[in-house]
Amino acid sequence: MIRTRFLKAGKPNYGKTLENSGFLYQLVETMQGVMDSGTGAITRKMGFTLPAAGKTGITNSYQDAWFTGFTPTLSASVWAAAPVNAAPERKIRWF
């Protein structure tokens, strides 16, 4: 069972319960793949073994990159950006 908060017309609807939600299962399963074999897999190589899920992203201009992830007890987001009009060597790269 997952307790969530939804916004309806700008007002929070607290406490709605989703039971056996196939959508949420697929979403979390996909985000776990990011940590296990996708762009977040480096965390596993560094020894992080807790169940975790996440999502990475980058802008079309490679100026900004971000990661949002969660474990059963913690969530975190990180954003990194190159200065506007940065030289190509200062833009964010995926290695």
Protein backbone atom coordinates (compact mmCIF):
# COMPACT_ATOMS: atom_id res chain seq x y z
CA MET A 1 0.00 0.00 0.00
CA ILE A 2 1.33 3.43 -0.94
CA ARG A 3 0.07 6.63 0.65
CA THR A 4 0.33 9.59 -1.65
CA ARG A 5 -0.55 13.25 -2.00
CA PHE A 6 -2.26 14.44 -5.14
CA LEU A 7 -3.03 17.97 -6.23
CA LYS A 8 -6.55 18.67 -7.47
CA ALA A 9 -7.15 22.16 -8.79
CA GLY A 10 -4.15 23.41 -6.83
CA LYS A 11 -5.34 21.96 -3.51
CA PRO A 12 -3.66 18.93 -1.97
CA ASN A 13 -5.77 15.82 -1.50
CA TYR A 14 -3.91 14.22 1.42
CA GLY A 15 -4.06 10.59 2.32
CA LYS A 16 -5.41 8.98 -0.83
CA THR A 17 -4.32 5.35 -0.77
CA LEU A 18 -3.28 3.43 -3.85
CA GLU A 19 -3.41 -0.32 -3.45
CA ASN A 20 -1.79 -2.72 -5.92
CA SER A 21 -1.19 0.05 -8.41
CA GLY A 22 0.28 -1.45 -11.57
CA PHE A 23 1.31 2.01 -12.74
CA LEU A 24 3.40 2.77 -9.66
CA TYR A 25 4.97 -0.68 -9.79
CA GLN A 26 6.06 -0.13 -13.40
CA LEU A 27 7.33 3.36 -12.61
CA VAL A 28 9.45 2.27 -9.64
CA GLU A 29 10.69 -0.82 -11.51
CA THR A 30 11.84 1.39 -14.39
CA MET A 31 13.53 3.83 -12.04
CA GLN A 32 15.32 0.94 -10.27
CA GLY A 33 16.80 0.06 -13.66
CA VAL A 34 18.45 3.48 -13.77
CA MET A 35 20.31 2.60 -10.57
CA ASP A 36 21.09 -1.01 -11.44
CA SER A 37 22.14 -0.80 -15.07
CA GLY A 38 21.61 2.73 -16.35
CA THR A 39 23.20 6.11 -15.79
CA GLY A 40 23.11 5.65 -12.01
CA ALA A 41 24.88 2.27 -12.09
CA ILE A 42 28.16 3.82 -10.94
CA THR A 43 26.65 3.90 -7.45
CA ARG A 44 26.47 0.10 -7.47
CA LYS A 45 30.11 -0.13 -8.58
CA MET A 46 31.00 2.13 -5.65
CA GLY A 47 29.40 -0.33 -3.23
CA PHE A 48 25.92 1.13 -2.65
CA THR A 49 23.66 -1.92 -2.22
CA LEU A 50 20.40 -0.61 -0.73
CA PRO A 51 17.22 -0.87 -2.78
CA ALA A 52 17.04 2.39 -4.71
CA ALA A 53 15.48 4.02 -7.73
CA GLY A 54 16.23 7.22 -9.59
CA LYS A 55 16.04 9.30 -12.74
CA THR A 56 18.70 11.35 -14.48
CA GLY A 57 18.25 14.11 -17.00
CA ILE A 58 20.13 16.68 -19.03
CA THR A 59 19.04 19.67 -21.09
CA ASN A 60 19.36 19.71 -24.88
CA SER A 61 22.14 22.29 -24.65
CA TYR A 62 24.10 20.24 -22.06
CA GLN A 63 24.02 23.22 -19.70
CA ASP A 64 22.16 21.46 -16.88
CA ALA A 65 22.07 17.91 -15.51
CA TRP A 66 20.10 16.47 -12.62
CA PHE A 67 19.47 13.31 -10.65
CA THR A 68 16.54 12.50 -8.39
CA GLY A 69 16.50 9.26 -6.45
CA PHE A 70 15.03 7.49 -3.48
CA THR A 71 15.39 4.52 -1.14
CA PRO A 72 12.63 3.27 1.16
CA THR A 73 13.67 5.85 3.78
CA LEU A 74 15.35 8.73 1.92
CA SER A 75 14.91 10.87 -1.17
CA ALA A 76 17.35 13.32 -2.72
CA SER A 77 17.84 15.48 -5.80
CA VAL A 78 21.00 16.98 -7.24
CA TRP A 79 21.27 19.62 -9.95
CA ALA A 80 24.46 20.74 -11.69
CA ALA A 81 24.80 23.50 -14.25
CA ALA A 82 27.45 25.09 -16.40
CA PRO A 83 27.37 28.89 -16.65
CA VAL A 84 25.19 30.33 -19.40
CA ASN A 85 27.19 30.60 -22.65
CA ALA A 86 29.94 28.40 -21.21
CA ALA A 87 32.73 27.26 -23.52
CA PRO A 88 32.11 23.74 -24.92
CA GLU A 89 34.76 22.21 -22.65
CA ARG A 90 32.83 23.46 -19.58
CA LYS A 91 29.50 21.92 -20.56
CA ILE A 92 28.28 18.78 -18.83
CA ARG A 93 29.37 15.49 -20.38
CA TRP A 94 28.38 11.90 -19.75
CA PHE A 95 31.38 9.61 -19.50
